[in-house]
N, C-alpha and C. Protein backbone atom coordinates (compact mmCIF):
# COMPACT_ATOMS: atom_id res chain seq x y z
N MET A 1 0.97 -1.18 0.04
CA MET A 1 0.12 -0.02 -0.05
C MET A 1 1.00 1.62 -0.08
N SER A 2 0.54 2.13 -0.77
CA SER A 2 1.19 3.45 -0.88
C SER A 2 1.00 4.29 0.37
N PRO A 3 2.10 5.24 0.53
CA PRO A 3 1.72 6.04 1.68
C PRO A 3 0.62 6.95 1.72
N GLN A 4 0.41 7.22 0.56
CA GLN A 4 -1.26 8.07 0.52
C GLN A 4 -2.26 7.13 0.68
N ASP A 5 -2.30 6.06 0.15
CA ASP A 5 -3.39 5.06 0.14
C ASP A 5 -3.57 4.82 1.86
N THR A 6 -2.17 4.60 2.39
CA THR A 6 -2.27 4.22 3.92
C THR A 6 -2.77 5.21 4.80
N LEU A 7 -2.32 6.52 4.38
CA LEU A 7 -2.96 7.66 5.11
C LEU A 7 -4.38 7.79 4.79
N ASN A 8 -5.07 7.61 3.75
CA ASN A 8 -6.44 7.82 3.56
C ASN A 8 -7.13 6.39 4.20
N ALA A 9 -6.47 5.29 4.23
CA ALA A 9 -7.11 4.23 4.93
C ALA A 9 -7.28 4.64 6.53
N LEU A 10 -6.11 5.09 6.91
CA LEU A 10 -6.18 5.33 8.22
C LEU A 10 -7.22 6.76 8.77
N LEU A 11 -7.44 7.49 7.94
CA LEU A 11 -8.35 8.45 8.29
C LEU A 11 -9.70 8.03 7.91
N ARG A 12 -10.11 7.08 6.95
CA ARG A 12 -11.26 6.29 6.71
C ARG A 12 -11.73 5.53 8.07
N LYS A 13 -10.57 5.32 8.97
CA LYS A 13 -11.01 4.30 10.13
C LYS A 13 -11.80 5.32 11.26
N PRO A 14 -12.63 4.96 11.90
CA PRO A 14 -13.47 5.51 12.77
C PRO A 14 -12.49 5.90 14.06
N ARG A 15 -12.75 7.11 14.46
CA ARG A 15 -12.12 7.51 15.79
C ARG A 15 -12.70 6.57 16.94
N ILE A 16 -11.97 6.08 17.82
CA ILE A 16 -12.20 5.28 18.85
C ILE A 16 -11.61 5.78 20.18
N ARG A 17 -12.27 5.55 21.30
CA ARG A 17 -11.88 5.72 22.69
C ARG A 17 -10.71 4.48 22.86
N PRO A 18 -9.49 4.71 23.47
CA PRO A 18 -8.75 3.69 23.79
C PRO A 18 -9.41 2.84 24.66
N CYS A 19 -9.38 1.49 24.06
CA CYS A 19 -9.86 0.19 24.91
C CYS A 19 -9.27 -0.90 24.77
N SER A 20 -9.63 -1.85 25.61
CA SER A 20 -8.82 -3.11 25.48
C SER A 20 -9.45 -4.08 24.21
N GLU A 21 -10.21 -3.46 23.56
CA GLU A 21 -10.79 -4.08 22.45
C GLU A 21 -9.97 -3.72 21.29
N ILE A 22 -9.08 -2.86 21.29
CA ILE A 22 -8.17 -2.90 19.95
C ILE A 22 -7.52 -3.95 19.71
N GLU A 23 -7.32 -4.44 18.48
CA GLU A 23 -6.90 -5.37 18.19
C GLU A 23 -5.44 -5.46 18.33
N THR A 24 -4.61 -6.60 18.58
CA THR A 24 -3.21 -6.70 19.08
C THR A 24 -2.31 -6.89 17.85
N LEU A 25 -2.77 -6.41 16.70
CA LEU A 25 -1.78 -6.63 15.46
C LEU A 25 -1.02 -5.42 15.42
N PRO A 26 0.03 -5.63 14.47
CA PRO A 26 0.76 -4.23 13.95
C PRO A 26 0.04 -3.50 13.18
N GLY A 27 0.40 -2.34 13.38
CA GLY A 27 -0.04 -1.39 12.42
C GLY A 27 0.26 0.07 12.60
N LEU A 28 -0.43 1.16 12.11
CA LEU A 28 -0.48 2.52 12.28
C LEU A 28 -1.47 3.14 13.02
N TYR A 29 -1.26 4.20 13.82
CA TYR A 29 -2.19 4.93 14.49
C TYR A 29 -2.31 6.44 14.49
N LEU A 30 -3.15 7.16 14.82
CA LEU A 30 -3.29 8.39 14.74
C LEU A 30 -3.90 8.93 16.23
N LEU A 31 -3.42 9.72 17.10
CA LEU A 31 -3.78 9.97 18.09
C LEU A 31 -4.39 11.35 18.19
N TYR A 32 -5.36 11.49 18.92
CA TYR A 32 -6.17 12.86 19.15
C TYR A 32 -6.09 13.26 20.49
N ASP A 33 -5.98 14.45 20.93
CA ASP A 33 -6.01 14.83 22.09
C ASP A 33 -7.43 15.35 22.55
N HIS A 34 -7.85 15.65 23.57
CA HIS A 34 -9.16 16.07 24.37
C HIS A 34 -9.96 16.97 23.61
N THR A 35 -9.21 17.80 22.90
CA THR A 35 -9.90 18.91 22.03
C THR A 35 -10.19 18.36 20.61
N GLU A 36 -9.88 17.13 20.50
CA GLU A 36 -10.32 16.14 19.18
C GLU A 36 -9.19 16.77 17.95
N THR A 37 -8.11 17.30 18.21
CA THR A 37 -7.17 17.62 17.41
C THR A 37 -6.03 16.37 17.34
N PRO A 38 -5.91 15.99 16.07
CA PRO A 38 -4.99 14.92 15.69
C PRO A 38 -3.81 15.55 15.93
N ARG A 39 -2.87 14.79 16.68
CA ARG A 39 -1.32 15.29 17.18
C ARG A 39 -0.43 14.20 16.78
N TYR A 40 -0.59 12.88 16.68
CA TYR A 40 0.67 11.96 16.50
C TYR A 40 0.44 10.82 15.62
N ILE A 41 1.02 10.52 14.88
CA ILE A 41 1.04 9.36 13.97
C ILE A 41 2.12 8.20 14.44
N GLY A 42 1.55 7.24 14.60
CA GLY A 42 2.78 6.18 15.25
C GLY A 42 2.68 4.83 14.61
N GLU A 43 3.75 3.89 14.86
CA GLU A 43 3.48 2.78 14.50
C GLU A 43 3.88 1.67 15.40
N THR A 44 3.36 0.53 15.40
CA THR A 44 3.88 -0.37 16.63
C THR A 44 3.50 -1.84 16.01
N GLY A 45 3.99 -2.96 16.58
CA GLY A 45 3.79 -4.38 16.37
C GLY A 45 2.75 -4.73 17.29
N ASN A 46 1.92 -4.03 18.28
CA ASN A 46 0.91 -4.35 18.98
C ASN A 46 -0.05 -3.20 19.26
N LEU A 47 -0.99 -2.84 18.23
CA LEU A 47 -1.96 -1.67 18.52
C LEU A 47 -2.52 -1.27 19.71
N GLN A 48 -3.00 -2.43 20.45
CA GLN A 48 -3.51 -2.34 21.85
C GLN A 48 -2.80 -2.04 22.77
N LYS A 49 -1.57 -2.82 23.05
CA LYS A 49 -0.59 -2.44 23.90
C LYS A 49 -0.19 -1.03 23.60
N ARG A 50 0.29 -0.44 22.49
CA ARG A 50 0.99 0.82 22.37
C ARG A 50 -0.30 2.04 22.71
N VAL A 51 -1.42 1.82 21.95
CA VAL A 51 -2.44 2.88 22.22
C VAL A 51 -3.02 2.59 23.44
N TYR A 52 -3.71 1.76 23.85
CA TYR A 52 -4.27 1.42 25.36
C TYR A 52 -3.70 1.33 26.34
N LEU A 53 -2.34 0.84 26.40
CA LEU A 53 -1.52 0.59 27.69
C LEU A 53 -0.53 1.72 27.89
N ASN A 54 0.50 1.74 26.72
CA ASN A 54 1.60 2.59 26.70
C ASN A 54 1.01 4.13 26.72
N HIS A 55 0.48 4.46 25.69
CA HIS A 55 0.11 6.04 25.46
C HIS A 55 -0.73 6.55 26.72
N CYS A 56 -1.71 5.68 27.33
CA CYS A 56 -2.56 6.06 28.32
C CYS A 56 -1.87 5.86 29.68
N SER A 57 -1.10 4.93 29.82
CA SER A 57 -0.63 4.66 31.37
C SER A 57 0.81 4.40 31.50
N GLY A 58 1.55 4.61 30.61
CA GLY A 58 2.97 4.37 30.60
C GLY A 58 3.53 5.55 31.28
N ASP A 59 4.92 5.47 31.23
CA ASP A 59 5.77 6.55 32.01
C ASP A 59 6.14 7.82 30.96
N GLU A 60 6.48 8.74 31.48
CA GLU A 60 6.84 9.92 30.46
C GLU A 60 7.80 9.41 29.57
N ASN A 61 8.17 9.76 28.38
CA ASN A 61 9.17 9.56 27.57
C ASN A 61 8.44 9.56 26.33
N SER A 62 8.20 8.38 25.40
CA SER A 62 7.55 8.47 24.19
C SER A 62 5.75 8.27 24.32
N HIS A 63 5.43 8.20 25.48
CA HIS A 63 3.89 8.00 25.66
C HIS A 63 3.24 9.04 25.63
N LYS A 64 2.72 9.50 24.45
CA LYS A 64 2.32 10.87 24.26
C LYS A 64 0.96 11.46 25.24
N TRP A 65 -0.12 10.74 25.32
CA TRP A 65 -1.04 11.23 26.28
C TRP A 65 -0.41 11.19 27.53
N VAL A 66 0.13 10.27 27.97
CA VAL A 66 1.03 10.48 29.29
C VAL A 66 1.92 11.81 29.37
N CYS A 67 2.75 12.18 28.50
CA CYS A 67 3.40 13.41 28.54
C CYS A 67 2.68 14.66 28.59
N HIS A 68 1.68 14.56 27.58
CA HIS A 68 0.62 15.77 27.28
C HIS A 68 0.02 16.05 28.86
N TYR A 69 -0.58 15.07 29.49
CA TYR A 69 -1.31 15.52 30.42
C TYR A 69 -0.64 15.22 32.02
N ASN A 70 0.69 15.31 31.72
CA ASN A 70 1.47 15.20 33.12
C ASN A 70 1.81 16.49 33.63
N HIS A 71 0.71 17.05 34.13
CA HIS A 71 0.59 18.58 34.56
C HIS A 71 -0.31 18.69 35.75
N GLY A 72 0.37 19.31 36.58
CA GLY A 72 -0.83 19.53 37.94
C GLY A 72 -1.28 18.60 38.79
N ARG A 73 -2.56 18.54 38.70
CA ARG A 73 -3.16 17.31 39.55
C ARG A 73 -2.64 16.03 38.87
N LEU A 74 -2.47 16.12 37.68
CA LEU A 74 -2.14 14.74 36.98
C LEU A 74 -0.94 14.44 36.78
N TRP A 75 0.09 15.09 37.61
CA TRP A 75 1.64 15.17 37.44
C TRP A 75 2.03 13.80 38.37
N HIS A 76 2.94 13.04 37.59
CA HIS A 76 3.68 12.00 38.47
C HIS A 76 5.03 11.72 37.71
N SER A 77 5.95 11.69 38.40
CA SER A 77 6.99 11.37 37.71
C SER A 77 7.99 10.28 38.60
N ARG A 78 8.02 9.04 38.20
CA ARG A 78 8.66 7.96 39.07
C ARG A 78 10.35 8.32 39.17
N LYS A 79 10.94 9.19 38.37
CA LYS A 79 12.27 9.38 38.53
C LYS A 79 12.29 10.74 39.46
N SER A 80 11.31 11.60 39.68
CA SER A 80 11.74 12.80 40.47
C SER A 80 11.53 12.78 41.80
N PRO A 81 12.53 13.37 42.51
CA PRO A 81 12.44 13.25 44.01
C PRO A 81 11.31 14.06 44.63
N ALA A 82 10.78 15.11 43.80
CA ALA A 82 9.48 15.63 44.09
C ALA A 82 8.14 15.19 44.23
N THR A 83 8.09 13.90 43.52
CA THR A 83 6.89 13.29 43.65
C THR A 83 6.76 12.48 44.68
N ASP A 84 5.66 12.02 45.20
CA ASP A 84 5.35 11.06 45.98
C ASP A 84 4.52 9.86 45.57
N ALA A 85 5.13 8.59 45.89
CA ALA A 85 4.72 7.06 45.32
C ALA A 85 3.33 6.95 45.37
N VAL A 86 2.67 7.18 46.68
CA VAL A 86 1.06 7.12 46.64
C VAL A 86 0.31 8.03 45.87
N ASP A 87 0.67 9.27 46.31
CA ASP A 87 -0.04 10.29 45.61
C ASP A 87 0.22 10.51 43.89
N GLY A 88 1.35 10.08 43.62
CA GLY A 88 1.81 9.90 42.17
C GLY A 88 0.90 8.90 41.67
N ALA A 89 0.74 7.61 42.32
CA ALA A 89 -0.14 6.54 41.77
C ALA A 89 -1.52 6.99 41.45
N VAL A 90 -2.02 7.87 42.48
CA VAL A 90 -3.25 8.08 42.26
C VAL A 90 -3.31 9.18 40.93
N ALA A 91 -2.53 10.16 40.93
CA ALA A 91 -2.53 11.14 39.36
C ALA A 91 -2.25 10.29 38.42
N LYS A 92 -1.38 9.25 38.50
CA LYS A 92 -1.27 8.49 37.14
C LYS A 92 -2.25 7.66 36.82
N ALA A 93 -3.10 7.18 37.80
CA ALA A 93 -4.17 6.39 37.40
C ALA A 93 -5.45 7.34 36.92
N LEU A 94 -5.48 8.33 37.54
CA LEU A 94 -6.48 9.34 36.70
C LEU A 94 -6.23 10.08 35.32
N ARG A 95 -4.89 10.33 35.24
CA ARG A 95 -4.47 10.58 33.81
C ARG A 95 -4.87 9.33 32.99
N ALA A 96 -4.56 8.21 33.24
CA ALA A 96 -4.95 7.28 32.17
C ALA A 96 -6.52 7.12 31.93
N LYS A 97 -7.18 7.44 33.01
CA LYS A 97 -8.67 7.39 32.82
C LYS A 97 -9.04 8.58 32.04
N LEU A 98 -8.35 9.71 32.36
CA LEU A 98 -8.63 10.88 31.24
C LEU A 98 -8.40 10.60 29.81
N ALA A 99 -7.25 9.98 29.67
CA ALA A 99 -6.88 9.66 28.23
C ALA A 99 -7.98 8.84 27.69
N ARG A 100 -8.38 8.00 28.34
CA ARG A 100 -9.10 6.57 27.90
C ARG A 100 -10.60 7.24 27.75
N ARG A 101 -10.94 8.31 28.52
CA ARG A 101 -12.51 8.97 28.65
C ARG A 101 -12.34 10.09 27.48
N PHE A 102 -11.49 10.87 27.33
CA PHE A 102 -11.54 12.19 26.41
C PHE A 102 -10.84 11.99 25.23
N CYS A 103 -9.91 11.31 25.13
CA CYS A 103 -8.89 11.10 23.86
C CYS A 103 -9.56 10.26 22.96
N SER A 104 -8.96 10.20 21.73
CA SER A 104 -9.21 9.23 20.94
C SER A 104 -8.24 8.71 19.81
N ALA A 105 -8.59 7.83 19.17
CA ALA A 105 -7.37 7.12 18.07
C ALA A 105 -8.11 6.69 16.85
N ARG A 106 -7.34 6.84 15.78
CA ARG A 106 -7.54 6.13 14.72
C ARG A 106 -6.60 4.81 14.54
N VAL A 107 -6.87 3.58 14.37
CA VAL A 107 -6.18 2.60 14.42
C VAL A 107 -6.15 1.70 12.84
N LEU A 108 -5.12 1.44 12.46
CA LEU A 108 -5.04 0.64 10.93
C LEU A 108 -4.09 -0.52 11.27
N PRO A 109 -5.03 -1.44 11.52
CA PRO A 109 -4.37 -2.92 11.55
C PRO A 109 -3.61 -3.25 9.89
N LEU A 110 -2.22 -3.86 10.31
CA LEU A 110 -1.66 -4.02 9.04
C LEU A 110 -0.94 -5.41 9.38
N PRO A 111 -1.91 -6.32 9.45
CA PRO A 111 -1.47 -7.74 9.81
C PRO A 111 -0.09 -8.26 8.99
N GLY A 112 -0.12 -7.82 7.83
CA GLY A 112 1.25 -8.36 7.04
C GLY A 112 2.36 -7.65 7.28
N LEU A 113 2.30 -6.57 8.05
CA LEU A 113 3.61 -5.77 8.31
C LEU A 113 4.22 -6.06 9.55
N THR A 114 4.78 -7.34 9.57
CA THR A 114 5.38 -7.70 10.87
C THR A 114 7.00 -7.15 11.15
N ASP A 115 7.49 -6.70 9.87
CA ASP A 115 8.82 -6.23 9.95
C ASP A 115 8.90 -4.95 10.61
N LYS A 116 9.49 -4.64 11.62
CA LYS A 116 9.60 -3.22 12.22
C LYS A 116 10.21 -2.26 11.35
N GLY A 117 11.32 -2.43 10.64
CA GLY A 117 11.93 -1.58 9.69
C GLY A 117 10.71 -1.23 8.65
N ALA A 118 10.40 -2.05 8.05
CA ALA A 118 9.06 -1.61 7.13
C ALA A 118 8.14 -0.72 7.56
N ARG A 119 7.53 -1.22 8.85
CA ARG A 119 6.55 -0.47 9.56
C ARG A 119 7.15 1.24 9.72
N LYS A 120 8.35 1.12 10.21
CA LYS A 120 8.93 2.63 10.39
C LYS A 120 9.28 3.20 9.18
N ALA A 121 9.34 2.61 8.05
CA ALA A 121 9.87 3.13 6.61
C ALA A 121 8.24 3.87 6.32
N LEU A 122 7.15 3.13 6.53
CA LEU A 122 5.87 3.51 6.01
C LEU A 122 5.34 4.68 7.10
N GLU A 123 5.62 4.42 8.35
CA GLU A 123 5.28 5.56 9.16
C GLU A 123 6.01 6.77 8.78
N LYS A 124 7.11 6.80 8.36
CA LYS A 124 8.01 7.80 7.91
C LYS A 124 7.34 8.63 6.76
N ALA A 125 7.07 7.81 5.80
CA ALA A 125 6.42 8.22 4.60
C ALA A 125 5.15 8.79 4.52
N VAL A 126 4.29 8.19 5.65
CA VAL A 126 2.65 8.82 5.88
C VAL A 126 3.11 10.11 6.49
N ARG A 127 4.06 10.20 7.35
CA ARG A 127 4.01 11.48 8.20
C ARG A 127 4.54 12.49 7.35
N ALA A 128 5.13 12.10 6.38
CA ALA A 128 5.85 13.14 5.52
C ALA A 128 4.68 13.89 4.50
N ILE A 129 3.73 13.08 4.35
CA ILE A 129 2.39 13.65 3.67
C ILE A 129 1.28 14.04 4.38
N ALA A 130 1.40 13.74 5.67
CA ALA A 130 0.24 14.16 6.55
C ALA A 130 0.12 15.63 7.00
N PRO A 131 -1.01 16.14 6.91
CA PRO A 131 -1.34 17.55 7.10
C PRO A 131 -1.03 18.10 8.43
N ASP A 132 -0.76 19.29 8.55
CA ASP A 132 -0.53 19.75 9.86
C ASP A 132 -2.05 19.55 10.61
N PRO A 133 -2.27 19.44 11.91
CA PRO A 133 -1.22 19.27 13.05
C PRO A 133 -0.79 17.93 13.29
N MET A 134 -1.17 16.77 12.38
CA MET A 134 -0.93 15.59 12.72
C MET A 134 0.42 15.03 13.09
N ASN A 135 1.35 15.93 12.98
CA ASN A 135 2.54 15.54 13.49
C ASN A 135 3.39 16.48 14.59
N ASP A 136 2.16 17.20 15.22
CA ASP A 136 2.69 18.09 16.28
C ASP A 136 3.69 17.44 17.40
N TRP A 137 3.17 16.15 17.69
CA TRP A 137 3.91 15.38 18.68
C TRP A 137 4.94 14.63 18.44
N ASN A 138 5.25 14.23 17.10
CA ASN A 138 6.41 13.45 16.58
C ASN A 138 7.46 14.15 16.66
N ASP A 139 8.55 13.51 16.87
CA ASP A 139 9.85 13.85 17.17
C ASP A 139 10.01 15.01 18.18
N GLN A 140 9.21 14.90 19.02
CA GLN A 140 9.23 15.81 20.17
C GLN A 140 9.79 15.06 21.59
N LYS A 141 10.65 15.60 22.23
CA LYS A 141 11.20 14.96 23.39
C LYS A 141 10.12 15.64 24.53
N LEU A 142 10.09 16.75 24.22
CA LEU A 142 8.98 17.38 25.35
C LEU A 142 7.71 18.29 24.60
N ILE A 143 6.71 17.74 24.90
CA ILE A 143 5.55 18.22 24.13
C ILE A 143 4.88 19.08 25.32
N PRO A 144 4.12 20.13 24.85
CA PRO A 144 3.35 21.02 25.82
C PRO A 144 2.62 20.04 26.73
N THR A 145 2.26 20.52 28.05
CA THR A 145 1.49 19.90 29.02
C THR A 145 0.35 20.63 29.26
N CYS A 146 -0.77 19.97 29.58
CA CYS A 146 -1.79 20.72 29.98
C CYS A 146 -2.77 20.00 30.96
N ALA A 147 -3.81 20.46 31.71
CA ALA A 147 -4.39 19.94 32.65
C ALA A 147 -5.73 20.56 32.57
N PRO A 148 -6.66 19.70 31.73
CA PRO A 148 -7.78 20.38 31.18
C PRO A 148 -8.86 20.09 32.56
N ASP A 149 -8.79 21.17 33.47
CA ASP A 149 -9.49 21.08 34.93
C ASP A 149 -10.85 20.84 34.73
N GLU A 150 -11.72 21.22 33.72
CA GLU A 150 -13.14 21.10 34.01
C GLU A 150 -13.27 19.64 33.59
N LEU A 151 -12.51 18.98 32.70
CA LEU A 151 -12.57 17.60 32.35
C LEU A 151 -12.13 16.61 33.48
N ILE A 152 -11.05 17.34 34.15
CA ILE A 152 -10.63 16.34 35.27
C ILE A 152 -11.65 16.30 36.40
N ASP A 153 -12.27 17.62 36.70
CA ASP A 153 -13.54 17.62 37.81
C ASP A 153 -14.52 16.71 37.28
N GLN A 154 -14.98 16.80 36.09
CA GLN A 154 -16.06 15.91 35.40
C GLN A 154 -15.83 14.37 35.51
N LEU A 155 -14.55 14.05 35.52
CA LEU A 155 -14.11 12.60 35.59
C LEU A 155 -14.30 12.28 36.95
N LEU A 156 -13.54 13.18 37.76
CA LEU A 156 -13.61 12.83 39.32
C LEU A 156 -15.13 12.59 39.97
N ASP A 157 -16.09 13.43 39.29
CA ASP A 157 -17.34 13.09 39.75
C ASP A 157 -18.08 12.03 39.23
N GLU A 158 -17.82 11.90 37.76
CA GLU A 158 -18.32 10.63 37.36
C GLU A 158 -17.83 9.37 38.21
N LEU A 159 -16.49 9.28 38.56
CA LEU A 159 -16.06 8.17 39.00
C LEU A 159 -16.08 8.13 40.59
N GLY A 160 -16.68 9.14 41.06
CA GLY A 160 -17.13 9.27 42.45
C GLY A 160 -15.87 9.12 43.52
N TRP A 161 -14.82 9.72 43.00
CA TRP A 161 -13.46 9.63 43.88
C TRP A 161 -13.65 10.38 45.24
N ASP A 162 -13.27 9.75 46.38
CA ASP A 162 -13.40 10.38 47.52
C ASP A 162 -12.46 11.33 47.81
N ALA A 163 -12.51 12.01 49.16
CA ALA A 163 -11.74 13.16 49.54
C ALA A 163 -10.32 12.84 49.61
N VAL A 164 -10.12 11.65 50.19
CA VAL A 164 -8.60 11.27 50.28
C VAL A 164 -7.95 11.13 49.01
N GLN A 165 -8.63 10.55 47.76
CA GLN A 165 -7.84 10.61 46.40
C GLN A 165 -7.82 11.89 45.83
N ARG A 166 -8.73 12.74 46.17
CA ARG A 166 -8.85 14.15 45.74
C ARG A 166 -7.66 14.80 46.45
N ALA A 167 -7.44 14.61 47.76
CA ALA A 167 -6.31 15.19 48.42
C ALA A 167 -4.99 14.69 47.91
N SER A 168 -4.87 13.66 47.53
CA SER A 168 -3.66 13.17 46.73
C SER A 168 -3.38 13.93 45.51
N LEU A 169 -4.45 14.09 44.59
CA LEU A 169 -4.35 14.70 43.41
C LEU A 169 -3.85 16.36 43.99
N ASP A 170 -4.45 16.71 44.95
CA ASP A 170 -4.05 18.24 45.29
C ASP A 170 -2.82 18.39 45.65
N ALA A 171 -2.25 17.46 46.25
CA ALA A 171 -0.89 17.27 46.84
C ALA A 171 0.24 17.14 45.68
N GLN A 172 0.02 16.47 44.81
CA GLN A 172 0.55 16.35 43.49
C GLN A 172 0.52 17.70 42.63
N GLN A 173 -0.23 18.31 42.73
CA GLN A 173 -0.36 19.54 41.95
C GLN A 173 0.46 20.66 42.77
N ALA A 174 0.16 20.65 44.23
CA ALA A 174 1.25 21.47 44.86
C ALA A 174 2.54 21.13 44.82
N ARG A 175 2.96 19.93 44.59
CA ARG A 175 4.47 19.41 44.18
C ARG A 175 4.69 20.00 42.80
N TRP A 176 3.87 19.73 42.04
CA TRP A 176 4.07 19.98 40.52
C TRP A 176 4.46 21.75 40.57
N LEU A 177 3.57 22.25 41.25
CA LEU A 177 3.64 23.74 41.18
C LEU A 177 5.18 24.14 41.83
N LYS A 178 5.51 23.60 42.90
CA LYS A 178 6.78 23.98 43.48
C LYS A 178 7.89 23.62 42.65
N LYS A 179 7.87 22.28 41.95
CA LYS A 179 8.85 21.85 41.00
C LYS A 179 9.18 23.01 39.94
N ASN A 180 7.96 23.39 39.45
CA ASN A 180 8.24 24.17 38.30
C ASN A 180 8.37 25.47 38.49
N SER A 181 7.90 25.92 39.87
CA SER A 181 8.22 27.42 40.09
C SER A 181 9.79 27.45 40.63
N VAL A 182 10.49 26.48 41.20
CA VAL A 182 11.91 26.45 41.18
C VAL A 182 12.73 26.39 39.84
N SER A 183 12.18 25.37 38.94
CA SER A 183 12.96 25.03 37.87
C SER A 183 12.90 26.44 36.87
N HIS A 184 11.83 27.36 37.01
CA HIS A 184 11.84 28.47 36.21
C HIS A 184 12.61 29.56 36.65
N HIS A 185 12.82 29.59 38.02
CA HIS A 185 13.77 30.72 38.49
C HIS A 185 14.95 30.60 38.95
N VAL A 186 15.55 29.31 38.33
CA VAL A 186 16.97 29.16 38.62
C VAL A 186 17.90 29.64 37.50
């Protein structure tokens, strides 16, 4: 399949919420943020693992929704001395739920494309012709972070999270603010 045919096929796929029913096949995917803006085109050997698990609940690094929403009450960095393991785990859990509830993806299974090098080459060719802003998060070590507070509050209410869980999130936000205040004034 040509890069243009691949991009067209990807864009014809329905946008879905990240869920465990995503196929475990290799393929390409396109991530959308909570504003319904397409931000990232990726390839993987296992669509379910990459989209549902890694991008929603992995650690910072190449997991785009994790990076984008690693802010304020949703902040957690297992490598930072400023975080708290218990409060951070609560923030990380809510961050994954936020991505799964308010973000979406298009997934294009390519069962015959098991060679990683071939998938990478196809991804690169598709990205080269993809319109803006589909590549906003590609090739970025640090993507802009945000915390959509209205959606976070809505989700907390939907989930019925108690005062203890909410206090953990508030503590993480205080740590995040302190960490960022120090790093911006040094």
